[in-house]
Amino acid sequence: MEGSPFNLFGDPDEFRARMEELSEQMQSSQRVAWADNAIKLAVEMTVAGINRLNLQGNAEQQAAEVRAAMGTLFPEAVTLVREAREGFGT
């Protein structure tokens, strides 16, 4: 069957193995892209939240407002980054 014109892809087992490798590489690339997007979203979400603060009062009051905002924003960002790390497989 080696000389057959219908044997375009060579050994079927080798072809299947190459296709599985390609599939694994594509899945890995998708996980990395998803993780990158999740980390970017976490950073953008934190920056946007901090930028929306309208700080009032003295330094201690402003610091308290920032801490309160971070108490809300940080856990969400951590969740996104944790999920992103899982996407990397780490």
C-alpha atoms as a PDB file:
ATOM      1  CA  MET A   1       0.000   0.000   0.000  1.00  0.00           C
ATOM      2  CA  GLU A   2       3.085   2.256   0.260  1.00  0.00           C
ATOM      3  CA  GLY A   3       2.956   3.134  -3.443  1.00  0.00           C
ATOM      4  CA  SER A   4      -0.787   3.743  -3.470  1.00  0.00           C
ATOM      5  CA  PRO A   5      -1.783   7.221  -4.678  1.00  0.00           C
ATOM      6  CA  PHE A   6      -4.541   7.222  -2.057  1.00  0.00           C
ATOM      7  CA  ASN A   7      -2.083   7.041   0.827  1.00  0.00           C
ATOM      8  CA  LEU A   8      -1.577  10.835   0.983  1.00  0.00           C
ATOM      9  CA  PHE A   9      -0.864  11.120   4.692  1.00  0.00           C
ATOM     10  CA  GLY A  10       1.548   8.250   5.173  1.00  0.00           C
ATOM     11  CA  ASP A  11       1.134   5.887   8.094  1.00  0.00           C
ATOM     12  CA  PRO A  12      -2.322   6.384   9.668  1.00  0.00           C
ATOM     13  CA  ASP A  13      -0.945   5.854  13.190  1.00  0.00           C
ATOM     14  CA  GLU A  14       1.764   8.471  12.636  1.00  0.00           C
ATOM     15  CA  PHE A  15      -0.810  10.871  11.184  1.00  0.00           C
ATOM     16  CA  ARG A  16      -3.087  10.340  14.198  1.00  0.00           C
ATOM     17  CA  ALA A  17      -0.174  10.950  16.588  1.00  0.00           C
ATOM     18  CA  ARG A  18       0.749  14.186  14.768  1.00  0.00           C
ATOM     19  CA  MET A  19      -2.859  15.370  14.886  1.00  0.00           C
ATOM     20  CA  GLU A  20      -3.017  14.665  18.640  1.00  0.00           C
ATOM     21  CA  GLU A  21       0.183  16.674  19.150  1.00  0.00           C
ATOM     22  CA  LEU A  22      -1.271  19.559  17.159  1.00  0.00           C
ATOM     23  CA  SER A  23      -4.482  19.414  19.189  1.00  0.00           C
ATOM     24  CA  GLU A  24      -2.535  19.496  22.477  1.00  0.00           C
ATOM     25  CA  GLN A  25      -0.483  22.468  21.279  1.00  0.00           C
ATOM     26  CA  MET A  26      -3.621  24.357  20.275  1.00  0.00           C
ATOM     27  CA  GLN A  27      -5.291  23.641  23.621  1.00  0.00           C
ATOM     28  CA  SER A  28      -2.186  24.832  25.443  1.00  0.00           C
ATOM     29  CA  SER A  29      -2.160  28.036  23.414  1.00  0.00           C
ATOM     30  CA  GLN A  30      -5.830  28.619  24.207  1.00  0.00           C
ATOM     31  CA  ARG A  31      -5.189  28.142  27.939  1.00  0.00           C
ATOM     32  CA  VAL A  32      -2.326  30.649  27.843  1.00  0.00           C
ATOM     33  CA  ALA A  33      -4.432  33.171  25.922  1.00  0.00           C
ATOM     34  CA  TRP A  34      -7.309  32.772  28.390  1.00  0.00           C
ATOM     35  CA  ALA A  35      -4.961  33.165  31.336  1.00  0.00           C
ATOM     36  CA  ASP A  36      -3.400  36.281  29.825  1.00  0.00           C
ATOM     37  CA  ASN A  37      -6.854  37.781  29.303  1.00  0.00           C
ATOM     38  CA  ALA A  38      -7.930  36.964  32.853  1.00  0.00           C
ATOM     39  CA  ILE A  39      -4.825  38.578  34.335  1.00  0.00           C
ATOM     40  CA  LYS A  40      -5.284  41.640  32.124  1.00  0.00           C
ATOM     41  CA  LEU A  41      -8.923  41.876  33.228  1.00  0.00           C
ATOM     42  CA  ALA A  42      -7.916  41.653  36.899  1.00  0.00           C
ATOM     43  CA  VAL A  43      -5.448  44.518  36.477  1.00  0.00           C
ATOM     44  CA  GLU A  44      -7.870  46.656  34.465  1.00  0.00           C
ATOM     45  CA  MET A  45     -10.681  46.027  36.943  1.00  0.00           C
ATOM     46  CA  THR A  46      -8.495  47.062  39.883  1.00  0.00           C
ATOM     47  CA  VAL A  47      -7.172  50.175  38.132  1.00  0.00           C
ATOM     48  CA  ALA A  48     -10.668  51.222  37.022  1.00  0.00           C
ATOM     49  CA  GLY A  49     -12.045  50.765  40.522  1.00  0.00           C
ATOM     50  CA  ILE A  50      -9.270  52.811  42.102  1.00  0.00           C
ATOM     51  CA  ASN A  51      -9.599  55.533  39.445  1.00  0.00           C
ATOM     52  CA  ARG A  52     -13.295  55.927  40.261  1.00  0.00           C
ATOM     53  CA  LEU A  53     -12.607  56.784  43.878  1.00  0.00           C
ATOM     54  CA  ASN A  54     -13.443  60.323  44.875  1.00  0.00           C
ATOM     55  CA  LEU A  55     -11.131  60.681  47.843  1.00  0.00           C
ATOM     56  CA  GLN A  56     -12.239  63.191  50.458  1.00  0.00           C
ATOM     57  CA  GLY A  57     -10.847  64.316  53.771  1.00  0.00           C
ATOM     58  CA  ASN A  58      -7.409  64.104  55.293  1.00  0.00           C
ATOM     59  CA  ALA A  59      -4.743  61.494  54.548  1.00  0.00           C
ATOM     60  CA  GLU A  60      -6.099  58.981  57.078  1.00  0.00           C
ATOM     61  CA  GLN A  61      -9.626  59.233  55.701  1.00  0.00           C
ATOM     62  CA  GLN A  62      -8.384  58.868  52.134  1.00  0.00           C
ATOM     63  CA  ALA A  63      -6.287  55.858  53.098  1.00  0.00           C
ATOM     64  CA  ALA A  64      -9.348  54.291  54.741  1.00  0.00           C
ATOM     65  CA  GLU A  65     -11.363  54.811  51.536  1.00  0.00           C
ATOM     66  CA  VAL A  66      -8.640  53.193  49.444  1.00  0.00           C
ATOM     67  CA  ARG A  67      -8.421  50.236  51.883  1.00  0.00           C
ATOM     68  CA  ALA A  68     -12.197  49.788  51.785  1.00  0.00           C
ATOM     69  CA  ALA A  69     -12.184  49.811  47.981  1.00  0.00           C
ATOM     70  CA  MET A  70      -9.309  47.338  47.846  1.00  0.00           C
ATOM     71  CA  GLY A  71     -11.206  45.104  50.272  1.00  0.00           C
ATOM     72  CA  THR A  72     -13.826  44.756  47.561  1.00  0.00           C
ATOM     73  CA  LEU A  73     -11.637  44.821  44.457  1.00  0.00           C
ATOM     74  CA  PHE A  74      -8.700  42.708  45.568  1.00  0.00           C
ATOM     75  CA  PRO A  75     -10.591  39.451  46.269  1.00  0.00           C
ATOM     76  CA  GLU A  76     -12.181  39.639  42.798  1.00  0.00           C
ATOM     77  CA  ALA A  77      -8.818  40.261  41.159  1.00  0.00           C
ATOM     78  CA  VAL A  78      -7.249  37.402  43.129  1.00  0.00           C
ATOM     79  CA  THR A  79     -10.000  35.063  41.950  1.00  0.00           C
ATOM     80  CA  LEU A  80      -9.346  35.984  38.320  1.00  0.00           C
ATOM     81  CA  VAL A  81      -5.589  35.538  38.708  1.00  0.00           C
ATOM     82  CA  ARG A  82      -6.053  32.190  40.501  1.00  0.00           C
ATOM     83  CA  GLU A  83      -8.230  30.953  37.647  1.00  0.00           C
ATOM     84  CA  ALA A  84      -5.678  32.251  35.186  1.00  0.00           C
ATOM     85  CA  ARG A  85      -2.904  30.339  36.931  1.00  0.00           C
ATOM     86  CA  GLU A  86      -5.015  27.205  36.671  1.00  0.00           C
ATOM     87  CA  GLY A  87      -5.218  27.950  32.950  1.00  0.00           C
ATOM     88  CA  PHE A  88      -1.438  27.905  32.836  1.00  0.00           C
ATOM     89  CA  GLY A  89      -1.444  24.628  34.702  1.00  0.00           C
ATOM     90  CA  THR A  90       0.592  26.009  37.628  1.00  0.00           C
END
